[in-house]
Amino acid sequence: VRPRPDQEPMNLSWNAFWDVLTRKDSAGWSAEFRIPLSSLRFQEVYGEVRMGLTVERWIPSKNEINIFPAIPPNWGETSIMKPSQSQEILFRGINPDKPLYIAPYTLAGYKSAFDLNDEETAYMKSNTPDIEAGLDLKFGISRTLVMDVTVNTDFAQVEADDQQINLTRYSLYFPEKRMFFLERASVFDFSLGGNSNLFYSRRIGLFEDEEGVEEPEPVRIYGGARLTGRLKSWDVGFLDMQTAPLLKKRPDGTSVSLIPSENFGVLRFRRQVFNQNSYIGAITTSRLGSDGSYNFAYGLDGIFRVFGDDYLNLRWTQ
């Protein structure tokens, strides 16, 4: 039984720019991966870069899993996902790159319909052209800080969620799959246990009405910016996004506003203290509606390694 999405130690939907080539011959099966340095975020210390590598091979015919390095199953099925247990690899002479990726899109459509006129005497033809355009931009501010910018965001290419059956009164948890929110998403994590998190990015761009429909309605995102990375011992995360109002048409042709235009903001800091396994952090979130509605939240947290595998976990929110 695989862990539930909320129990995964990482978001498996994150993806970068990479190529792979596989080959099968008399010597066996092999795979070669090519990952641009611009897809990775790392720090160079005295000309050296230390990374970790974990390789897992699953052989269905034998129901066998081979792992390199030999990681003990001390942490359950997610043991192989622990970066601290990966094989350390030392690189010399490589420098982190400052990426620049531009991804524009254009969507065009044309709708032709026949509708009954007000006198109900004839059908009138109407033609409605439709065009959408937007832009996603990723660029490196420094070797360890990356800025993502989006304008009129389109999430049509996002992978569908895994189906879940809910037999409880509580909402289901679905992991974030939209690329804009994924890189270093753990920086924004402020978990209070289980699915209780001070910031949940899936609330941005989706609306679930009071009647509890199964399919939340998408909300247009005008645009936003997201900054993630590391400054020496500090992990930094900043996000600001503006959404459009969501209107619903009535039978008489008029429209009613379900939610106003909203601004979402998050600011997050974390810093290592005492040792590489301990840190303290702070977070603040805001949600401001054009109708005057608002919500603010903030918190302080810390994880301290006492000894061995024993940790002291402290969190306070308001």
Protein backbone atom coordinates (compact mmCIF):
# COMPACT_ATOMS: atom_id res chain seq x y z
CA VAL A 1 0.00 0.00 0.00
CA ARG A 2 1.54 3.28 -1.09
CA PRO A 3 1.38 6.27 1.26
CA ARG A 4 -1.45 8.74 0.82
CA PRO A 5 -0.61 12.00 -1.01
CA ASP A 6 -0.52 13.90 2.29
CA GLN A 7 2.01 11.39 3.68
CA GLU A 8 4.56 11.70 0.89
CA PRO A 9 7.80 13.39 2.01
CA MET A 10 7.94 15.25 -1.30
CA ASN A 11 5.71 16.30 -4.17
CA LEU A 12 6.23 13.72 -6.92
CA SER A 13 4.66 15.97 -9.57
CA TRP A 14 7.61 18.37 -9.76
CA ASN A 15 9.44 18.14 -13.05
CA ALA A 16 12.40 19.95 -14.61
CA PHE A 17 14.04 20.08 -18.03
CA TRP A 18 15.85 16.83 -18.81
CA ASP A 19 16.37 14.18 -21.51
CA VAL A 20 16.69 10.40 -21.27
CA LEU A 21 17.82 7.67 -23.68
CA THR A 22 17.35 3.96 -22.98
CA ARG A 23 18.96 0.98 -24.66
CA LYS A 24 18.57 -2.77 -24.50
CA ASP A 25 21.25 -5.06 -25.96
CA SER A 26 23.17 -8.24 -25.21
CA ALA A 27 24.78 -6.57 -22.17
CA GLY A 28 21.38 -5.75 -20.66
CA TRP A 29 19.31 -2.60 -20.22
CA SER A 30 20.79 0.85 -19.69
CA ALA A 31 19.54 4.42 -19.35
CA GLU A 32 21.36 7.71 -19.76
CA PHE A 33 19.93 10.89 -18.27
CA ARG A 34 20.99 14.38 -19.30
CA ILE A 35 20.01 17.12 -16.84
CA PRO A 36 21.00 20.72 -17.64
CA LEU A 37 22.71 22.54 -14.79
CA SER A 38 20.11 25.29 -15.23
CA SER A 39 17.46 22.83 -13.99
CA LEU A 40 19.26 22.40 -10.65
CA ARG A 41 19.76 24.75 -7.72
CA PHE A 42 23.00 24.23 -5.83
CA GLN A 43 25.73 26.09 -4.01
CA GLU A 44 29.43 26.01 -4.77
CA VAL A 45 31.72 25.97 -1.74
CA TYR A 46 35.46 26.41 -2.35
CA GLY A 47 35.10 25.11 -5.90
CA GLU A 48 33.24 21.96 -4.79
CA VAL A 49 29.59 20.97 -5.15
CA ARG A 50 28.15 18.08 -3.14
CA MET A 51 25.00 16.37 -4.36
CA GLY A 52 23.14 13.20 -3.50
CA LEU A 53 22.09 10.32 -5.75
CA THR A 54 19.55 7.55 -5.12
CA VAL A 55 18.67 4.95 -7.76
CA GLU A 56 15.72 2.56 -7.48
CA ARG A 57 15.03 -0.36 -9.83
CA TRP A 58 11.79 -2.32 -9.71
CA ILE A 59 11.66 -5.80 -11.27
CA PRO A 60 7.94 -6.77 -11.45
CA SER A 61 8.61 -10.36 -12.55
CA LYS A 62 10.53 -11.00 -9.33
CA ASN A 63 8.61 -8.52 -7.15
CA GLU A 64 12.06 -7.17 -6.35
CA ILE A 65 13.34 -3.65 -5.70
CA ASN A 66 17.03 -2.82 -5.94
CA ILE A 67 18.27 0.39 -4.30
CA PHE A 68 21.57 2.24 -4.48
CA PRO A 69 22.91 3.00 -1.97
CA ALA A 70 21.66 0.36 0.46
CA ILE A 71 19.17 2.43 2.48
CA PRO A 72 17.70 0.67 5.54
CA PRO A 73 13.88 0.61 5.80
CA ASN A 74 13.98 2.43 9.13
CA TRP A 75 11.49 5.08 7.97
CA GLY A 76 8.96 2.86 6.23
CA GLU A 77 8.23 2.82 2.49
CA THR A 78 9.47 6.38 2.07
CA SER A 79 12.97 5.55 3.34
CA ILE A 80 14.46 5.74 -0.18
CA MET A 81 13.17 9.31 -0.52
CA LYS A 82 15.28 10.69 2.33
CA PRO A 83 18.01 12.97 0.89
CA SER A 84 20.15 12.40 3.98
CA GLN A 85 20.50 8.72 3.01
CA SER A 86 21.51 9.27 -0.62
CA GLN A 87 24.98 8.56 -1.98
CA GLU A 88 27.10 11.69 -1.80
CA ILE A 89 28.73 12.74 -5.08
CA LEU A 90 31.42 15.40 -5.29
CA PHE A 91 31.70 17.67 -8.33
CA ARG A 92 34.51 20.07 -9.10
CA GLY A 93 34.61 22.78 -11.73
CA ILE A 94 30.86 23.18 -12.25
CA ASN A 95 29.01 26.43 -11.67
CA PRO A 96 25.30 26.91 -11.04
CA ASP A 97 23.60 28.51 -14.01
CA LYS A 98 21.03 31.31 -14.03
CA PRO A 99 18.08 29.89 -15.98
CA LEU A 100 15.87 31.86 -18.34
CA TYR A 101 12.83 30.02 -19.66
CA ILE A 102 10.00 31.72 -21.55
CA ALA A 103 6.78 29.80 -22.27
CA PRO A 104 4.11 31.83 -24.09
CA TYR A 105 0.79 30.31 -25.12
CA THR A 106 -2.15 31.20 -27.35
CA LEU A 107 -5.58 29.58 -27.41
CA ALA A 108 -8.08 30.38 -30.15
CA GLY A 109 -11.67 29.26 -30.60
CA TYR A 110 -14.82 30.05 -32.51
CA LYS A 111 -18.38 29.37 -31.44
CA SER A 112 -21.45 29.54 -33.67
CA ALA A 113 -24.93 29.03 -32.20
CA PHE A 114 -28.61 29.48 -33.04
CA ASP A 115 -30.69 30.94 -30.20
CA LEU A 116 -34.42 31.65 -30.03
CA ASN A 117 -35.17 35.38 -30.16
CA ASP A 118 -37.17 37.22 -27.51
CA GLU A 119 -40.40 36.97 -29.52
CA GLU A 120 -39.81 33.23 -29.93
CA THR A 121 -40.51 33.51 -33.64
CA ALA A 122 -37.15 32.58 -35.11
CA TYR A 123 -33.69 31.34 -34.34
CA MET A 124 -30.94 33.91 -34.64
CA LYS A 125 -27.38 32.97 -35.46
CA SER A 126 -24.59 34.33 -33.28
CA ASN A 127 -20.85 34.04 -33.83
CA THR A 128 -18.46 34.35 -30.89
CA PRO A 129 -14.71 34.29 -31.48
CA ASP A 130 -12.53 33.58 -28.48
CA ILE A 131 -8.81 34.10 -27.98
CA GLU A 132 -6.57 33.74 -24.94
CA ALA A 133 -2.89 34.53 -24.55
CA GLY A 134 -0.49 34.40 -21.66
CA LEU A 135 3.10 33.99 -20.60
CA ASP A 136 5.16 32.08 -18.05
CA LEU A 137 8.69 33.22 -17.27
CA LYS A 138 11.40 31.67 -15.11
CA PHE A 139 14.72 33.39 -14.54
CA GLY A 140 17.55 33.22 -12.07
CA ILE A 141 18.13 36.30 -9.94
CA SER A 142 21.22 34.71 -8.45
CA ARG A 143 22.78 31.27 -8.36
CA THR A 144 20.34 30.12 -5.69
CA LEU A 145 17.33 32.44 -6.12
CA VAL A 146 14.77 31.86 -8.89
CA MET A 147 11.83 34.06 -9.85
CA ASP A 148 8.71 32.71 -11.58
CA VAL A 149 6.35 35.18 -13.25
CA THR A 150 3.00 34.32 -14.82
CA VAL A 151 0.49 36.43 -16.80
CA ASN A 152 -3.06 35.22 -17.54
CA THR A 153 -2.06 31.76 -16.34
CA ASP A 154 -3.24 28.69 -18.23
CA PHE A 155 -3.23 25.34 -16.41
CA ALA A 156 -4.75 23.29 -19.24
CA GLN A 157 -1.65 21.07 -19.47
CA VAL A 158 -1.72 20.09 -15.78
CA GLU A 159 -1.89 16.39 -14.99
CA ALA A 160 -5.26 15.19 -13.66
CA ASP A 161 -5.61 14.32 -9.99
CA ASP A 162 -5.68 10.72 -8.85
CA GLN A 163 -9.23 9.66 -8.03
CA GLN A 164 -10.05 9.31 -4.35
CA ILE A 165 -13.15 8.09 -2.55
CA ASN A 166 -14.25 10.21 0.39
CA LEU A 167 -16.25 8.42 3.09
CA THR A 168 -15.78 11.15 5.69
CA ARG A 169 -17.25 14.57 6.35
CA TYR A 170 -13.91 16.25 5.69
CA SER A 171 -12.49 17.58 2.45
CA LEU A 172 -10.00 15.46 0.56
CA TYR A 173 -6.40 16.52 0.20
CA PHE A 174 -4.99 16.74 -3.33
CA PRO A 175 -1.31 17.58 -3.90
CA GLU A 176 -0.34 20.55 -6.01
CA LYS A 177 0.41 19.63 -9.64
CA ARG A 178 0.63 23.05 -11.32
CA MET A 179 4.22 23.71 -12.39
CA PHE A 180 4.19 27.33 -11.30
CA PHE A 181 3.78 26.30 -7.64
CA LEU A 182 6.01 23.22 -7.52
CA GLU A 183 9.69 24.18 -7.45
CA ARG A 184 10.87 24.23 -3.81
CA ALA A 185 7.25 24.09 -2.63
CA SER A 186 8.48 22.70 0.70
CA VAL A 187 9.76 26.18 1.59
CA PHE A 188 6.12 27.27 2.05
CA ASP A 189 5.21 24.22 4.12
CA PHE A 190 3.88 25.01 7.60
CA SER A 191 2.18 21.78 8.63
CA LEU A 192 0.29 21.48 11.89
CA GLY A 193 -0.19 17.74 11.48
CA GLY A 194 -1.97 15.68 8.82
CA ASN A 195 -3.56 17.88 6.16
CA SER A 196 -3.64 20.97 8.39
CA ASN A 197 -1.35 23.46 6.70
CA LEU A 198 -1.27 27.22 7.14
CA PHE A 199 -0.79 27.68 3.37
CA TYR A 200 -2.40 25.47 0.72
CA SER A 201 -1.74 26.65 -2.83
CA ARG A 202 -4.64 24.65 -4.30
CA ARG A 203 -6.96 27.33 -2.89
CA ILE A 204 -5.59 29.78 -5.46
CA GLY A 205 -7.47 29.64 -8.77
CA LEU A 206 -10.22 27.28 -7.64
CA PHE A 207 -13.62 27.92 -6.04
CA GLU A 208 -15.84 25.39 -4.32
CA ASP A 209 -19.32 26.82 -3.82
CA GLU A 210 -21.39 26.53 -0.66
CA GLU A 211 -23.50 23.73 -2.13
CA GLY A 212 -20.42 21.49 -2.18
CA VAL A 213 -20.26 20.52 -5.84
CA GLU A 214 -17.85 17.74 -6.72
CA GLU A 215 -15.99 19.79 -9.34
CA PRO A 216 -14.60 23.12 -8.07
CA GLU A 217 -14.89 25.95 -10.58
CA PRO A 218 -11.66 27.38 -11.99
CA VAL A 219 -10.97 31.04 -11.32
CA ARG A 220 -8.99 33.12 -13.80
CA ILE A 221 -5.58 34.18 -12.53
CA TYR A 222 -4.55 37.59 -13.82
CA GLY A 223 -0.94 36.94 -12.88
CA GLY A 224 1.59 36.75 -10.13
CA ALA A 225 5.18 36.26 -9.07
CA ARG A 226 6.98 33.66 -6.98
CA LEU A 227 10.49 33.83 -5.53
CA THR A 228 12.21 30.81 -3.97
CA GLY A 229 15.75 29.92 -3.06
CA ARG A 230 18.46 30.16 -0.45
CA LEU A 231 20.52 33.03 0.91
CA LYS A 232 23.43 31.48 2.81
CA SER A 233 21.70 29.72 5.74
CA TRP A 234 18.26 31.18 4.96
CA ASP A 235 15.52 29.50 2.93
CA VAL A 236 13.35 32.20 1.36
CA GLY A 237 9.91 32.01 -0.22
CA PHE A 238 7.67 34.81 -1.52
CA LEU A 239 4.45 34.56 -3.52
CA ASP A 240 1.89 37.13 -4.69
CA MET A 241 -1.01 36.40 -7.07
CA GLN A 242 -4.08 38.27 -8.25
CA THR A 243 -7.26 36.46 -9.33
CA ALA A 244 -10.27 37.68 -11.27
CA PRO A 245 -13.81 37.81 -9.85
CA LEU A 246 -15.93 34.74 -10.51
CA LEU A 247 -19.31 35.56 -12.05
CA LYS A 248 -22.28 33.23 -12.45
CA LYS A 249 -25.05 33.90 -14.94
CA ARG A 250 -28.67 33.82 -13.78
CA PRO A 251 -31.56 32.49 -15.90
CA ASP A 252 -32.67 36.10 -16.61
CA GLY A 253 -29.30 36.88 -18.20
CA THR A 254 -27.87 38.92 -15.36
CA SER A 255 -24.71 37.93 -13.48
CA VAL A 256 -24.00 37.52 -9.78
CA SER A 257 -20.53 37.61 -8.23
CA LEU A 258 -19.62 34.40 -6.38
CA ILE A 259 -16.27 35.70 -5.18
CA PRO A 260 -14.56 39.06 -5.69
CA SER A 261 -11.16 39.65 -7.25
CA GLU A 262 -8.61 38.53 -4.65
CA ASN A 263 -4.93 38.96 -3.88
CA PHE A 264 -2.99 36.09 -2.27
CA GLY A 265 0.33 36.72 -0.56
CA VAL A 266 2.82 34.52 1.31
CA LEU A 267 6.19 35.33 2.86
CA ARG A 268 8.30 32.56 4.38
CA PHE A 269 11.75 32.42 6.03
CA ARG A 270 13.66 29.50 7.54
CA ARG A 271 17.18 29.39 8.94
CA GLN A 272 19.47 26.60 10.09
CA VAL A 273 20.55 26.84 13.74
CA PHE A 274 22.84 24.76 15.95
CA ASN A 275 23.33 22.03 13.30
CA GLN A 276 22.26 21.16 9.73
CA ASN A 277 19.24 19.22 11.03
CA SER A 278 17.70 22.06 13.07
CA TYR A 279 16.03 25.26 11.97
CA ILE A 280 13.71 28.08 13.02
CA GLY A 281 11.27 29.85 10.72
CA ALA A 282 8.45 32.33 10.31
CA ILE A 283 5.56 32.68 7.87
CA THR A 284 2.83 35.19 7.11
CA THR A 285 -0.10 34.82 4.67
CA SER A 286 -2.72 37.24 3.41
CA ARG A 287 -5.91 37.03 1.36
CA LEU A 288 -7.46 40.36 0.36
CA GLY A 289 -10.73 40.73 -1.53
CA SER A 290 -11.74 43.75 -3.61
CA ASP A 291 -15.00 43.86 -1.61
CA GLY A 292 -13.11 44.57 1.62
CA SER A 293 -12.90 40.99 2.87
CA TYR A 294 -9.55 39.89 4.25
CA ASN A 295 -7.71 37.19 6.16
CA PHE A 296 -4.25 37.30 7.72
CA ALA A 297 -2.30 34.50 9.37
CA TYR A 298 1.22 34.24 10.74
CA GLY A 299 3.28 31.74 12.64
CA LEU A 300 6.63 30.69 14.08
CA ASP A 301 8.08 27.20 13.93
CA GLY A 302 11.19 25.27 14.76
CA ILE A 303 12.60 21.75 14.50
CA PHE A 304 15.52 20.89 16.77
CA ARG A 305 17.53 17.68 16.65
CA VAL A 306 18.06 16.65 20.27
CA PHE A 307 20.12 13.51 19.65
CA GLY A 308 20.05 10.61 17.21
CA ASP A 309 16.66 10.40 15.53
CA ASP A 310 14.90 12.36 18.28
CA TYR A 311 13.60 15.81 17.38
CA LEU A 312 11.71 18.57 19.17
CA ASN A 313 9.03 20.13 16.95
CA LEU A 314 7.49 23.50 17.93
CA ARG A 315 4.79 25.47 16.05
CA TRP A 316 2.69 28.52 16.93
CA THR A 317 0.15 30.25 14.67
CA GLN A 318 -2.38 33.04 14.94
